Protein backbone atom coordinates (compact mmCIF):
# COMPACT_ATOMS: atom_id res chain seq x y z
CA MET A 1 -0.01 -0.01 0.01
CA HIS A 2 1.33 3.34 -0.81
CA ALA A 3 -0.09 6.61 0.39
CA MET A 4 -1.58 9.01 -2.08
CA ALA A 5 -0.40 12.57 -1.94
CA ARG A 6 -3.10 15.13 -1.35
CA LYS A 7 -3.67 17.75 -3.97
CA PRO A 8 -3.16 21.24 -2.60
CA LYS A 9 -6.40 23.18 -2.29
CA LYS A 10 -6.85 25.83 -4.91
CA ARG A 11 -6.78 29.32 -3.42
CA ILE A 12 -9.65 31.54 -4.23
CA ARG A 13 -8.45 35.04 -4.90
CA THR A 14 -10.67 37.81 -3.68
CA PRO A 15 -10.59 41.08 -5.58
CA HIS A 16 -8.81 43.98 -3.93
CA ILE A 17 -11.48 46.40 -2.89
CA LEU A 18 -10.44 49.86 -1.77
CA VAL A 19 -12.48 50.83 1.23
CA PRO A 20 -12.09 54.45 2.28
CA PRO A 21 -11.35 55.16 5.95
CA THR A 22 -14.29 55.71 8.23
CA PRO A 23 -15.04 59.22 9.53
CA GLU A 24 -13.97 58.03 13.01
CA ARG A 25 -10.58 56.88 11.66
CA MET A 26 -10.11 60.17 9.81
CA ALA A 27 -10.91 62.09 13.04
CA LYS A 28 -8.34 60.01 15.01
CA SER A 29 -5.64 60.62 12.39
CA ALA A 30 -5.41 64.23 13.55
CA GLY A 31 -4.39 65.61 10.18
CA PHE A 32 -1.70 63.08 9.29
CA VAL A 33 -3.53 62.05 6.12
CA HIS A 34 -2.25 61.96 2.55
CA VAL A 35 -4.82 61.47 -0.23
CA SER A 36 -3.18 60.54 -3.52
CA ILE A 37 -4.49 61.45 -6.92
CA THR A 38 -5.32 57.81 -7.68
CA GLY A 39 -7.54 57.51 -4.58
CA PRO A 40 -5.69 55.60 -1.85
CA VAL A 41 -5.59 57.33 1.55
CA THR A 42 -2.44 56.96 3.62
CA VAL A 43 -2.27 57.85 7.31
CA ARG A 44 1.33 58.73 8.07
CA ASP A 45 1.89 59.39 11.75
CA ALA A 46 5.62 60.06 11.72
CA PRO A 47 7.70 62.58 13.72
CA LEU A 48 8.15 64.98 10.78
CA GLU A 49 4.42 65.00 10.02
CA ARG A 50 3.55 65.51 13.68
CA LEU A 51 5.87 68.47 13.94
CA GLU A 52 4.35 70.08 10.85
CA ALA A 53 0.78 69.38 11.90
CA ARG A 54 1.34 70.88 15.34
CA GLY A 55 2.89 74.00 13.85
CA LEU A 56 6.34 73.40 15.35
CA ILE A 57 7.95 73.53 11.89
CA ASP A 58 6.71 75.44 8.91
CA LYS A 59 5.96 74.15 5.40
CA ARG A 60 9.41 75.12 4.15
CA LEU A 61 11.18 72.95 6.73
CA TYR A 62 8.69 70.12 6.19
CA ASP A 63 9.34 70.22 2.44
CA ALA A 64 13.11 70.12 3.04
CA GLY A 65 12.73 67.07 5.30
CA THR A 66 10.45 65.35 2.79
CA LYS A 67 12.90 66.03 -0.05
CA TYR A 68 15.73 64.53 2.04
CA ARG A 69 13.57 61.45 2.73
CA ILE A 70 12.75 61.09 -1.00
CA HIS A 71 16.45 61.12 -1.95
CA TRP A 72 17.31 58.74 0.92
CA HIS A 73 14.60 56.31 -0.19
CA GLY A 74 15.38 56.71 -3.90
CA ALA A 75 19.02 55.92 -3.17
CA GLY A 76 17.92 52.56 -1.76
CA LEU A 77 19.21 53.20 1.76
CA GLN A 78 16.19 52.01 3.75
CA GLU A 79 17.09 49.14 6.12
CA ARG A 80 14.17 46.94 5.12
CA PHE A 81 15.63 46.41 1.69
CA ALA A 82 19.32 47.10 2.00
CA SER A 83 22.05 45.88 4.28
CA LEU A 84 25.63 47.01 4.05
CA ARG A 85 27.94 44.14 3.34
CA LEU A 86 31.62 44.01 4.26
CA ASP A 87 32.65 44.64 0.66
CA GLY A 88 30.72 47.91 0.64
CA THR A 89 27.90 46.83 -1.63
CA PHE A 90 24.24 46.97 -0.62
CA GLY A 91 21.73 44.11 -0.57
CA GLY A 92 22.06 40.36 -0.73
CA SER A 93 23.71 40.49 -4.10
CA VAL A 94 25.38 43.14 -6.18
CA GLU A 95 22.46 45.34 -7.18
CA THR A 96 21.99 47.12 -10.43
CA ILE A 97 22.10 50.85 -9.89
CA THR A 98 19.77 52.70 -12.21
CA ASP A 99 20.31 56.29 -13.38
CA ALA A 100 17.58 57.48 -11.04
CA MET A 101 19.20 55.66 -8.10
CA ALA A 102 22.57 57.17 -8.96
CA HIS A 103 21.00 60.63 -9.06
CA HIS A 104 19.35 60.15 -5.66
CA ARG A 105 22.57 58.84 -4.15
CA SER A 106 24.57 61.80 -5.39
CA VAL A 107 22.01 64.38 -4.11
CA TYR A 108 21.81 62.54 -0.79
CA ALA A 109 25.61 62.33 -0.43
CA ARG A 110 25.98 66.06 -1.10
CA ALA A 111 23.28 66.81 1.49
CA VAL A 112 24.99 64.64 4.09
CA GLN A 113 28.32 66.33 3.37
CA PHE A 114 26.64 69.74 3.59
CA LEU A 115 24.96 69.02 6.94
CA GLY A 116 27.86 67.25 8.60
CA VAL A 117 27.76 64.11 10.73
CA ARG A 118 25.51 65.30 13.55
CA GLY A 119 23.02 67.28 11.40
CA SER A 120 22.62 64.51 8.84
CA SER A 121 22.27 61.91 11.60
CA VAL A 122 19.42 63.86 13.26
CA VAL A 123 17.64 64.55 9.97
CA GLU A 124 17.99 60.95 8.80
CA ASP A 125 16.77 59.49 12.09
CA ILE A 126 13.70 61.74 12.34
CA CYS A 127 12.72 62.27 8.70
CA CYS A 128 13.73 58.89 7.19
CA ARG A 129 13.75 56.30 9.98
CA ASP A 130 10.83 57.84 11.92
CA VAL A 131 12.74 57.75 15.22
CA SER A 132 11.03 59.85 17.90
CA LEU A 133 12.49 63.17 19.02
CA GLU A 134 13.02 61.75 22.54
CA ASP A 135 15.06 58.81 21.26
CA VAL A 136 17.17 61.05 19.01
CA GLY A 137 17.80 63.41 21.93
CA ARG A 138 18.77 60.49 24.19
CA LYS A 139 21.14 59.28 21.46
CA LEU A 140 22.73 62.73 21.58
CA GLY A 141 23.33 62.37 25.32
CA TRP A 142 20.31 63.97 27.01
CA SER A 143 18.78 61.79 29.75
CA ASN A 144 15.83 64.07 30.67
CA ARG A 145 12.81 63.59 28.31
CA PRO A 146 11.91 67.30 27.81
CA GLN A 147 15.58 68.23 27.29
CA ALA A 148 16.08 65.32 24.84
CA CYS A 149 13.02 66.38 22.80
CA ALA A 150 13.98 70.07 22.86
CA ALA A 151 17.59 69.34 21.80
CA ALA A 152 16.53 67.06 18.96
CA GLU A 153 13.88 69.53 17.76
CA ALA A 154 16.37 72.45 17.81
CA LEU A 155 19.01 70.48 15.88
CA LEU A 156 16.41 69.24 13.40
CA LYS A 157 15.07 72.75 12.77
CA ASP A 158 18.58 74.10 12.25
CA ALA A 159 19.55 71.28 9.84
CA LEU A 160 16.28 71.53 7.89
CA ASP A 161 16.63 75.33 7.69
CA ARG A 162 20.13 74.94 6.27
CA LEU A 163 18.90 72.30 3.79
CA ALA A 164 15.92 74.41 2.70
CA TYR A 165 18.20 77.40 2.06
CA TRP A 166 20.77 75.26 0.22
CA TRP A 167 18.16 73.51 -1.93
CA GLY A 168 16.19 76.73 -2.51
CA VAL A 169 13.00 75.35 -0.95
CA SER A 170 10.53 78.17 -0.40
């Protein structure tokens, strides 16, 4: 007697239906909503968005931080997808760098050089990695929560102001 192998069950695919957020969810989002032209609604509750929504940074600084994040992401530097190997290449294998990726990497590298080590570290942590102000301040050496937040916010504002002026963001 030999056992018969079972046939795998066929998966039934359900169509992707876009359901808009409920009014309650929109109210809870407290203004951190992005509605794209194609229809999807994204709720982005990140430190940079919170600072802008609360009026702690103006639109100019927010746009500079967003531009920095776009170049960082376009350069392929997000940790989910890239890991630095010992030979200096990114990813599990040698990746193909497109023209767009090379452009983003060069703009990002110039911005990092312009800001310096501390400024670029603060901007990258808050704008790109969504690290809280408190955690960035503690990383900088402040042990008291209000002081850590204030120090990180002040350094972020200074760095974003310098970036906005350098990039001509108005």
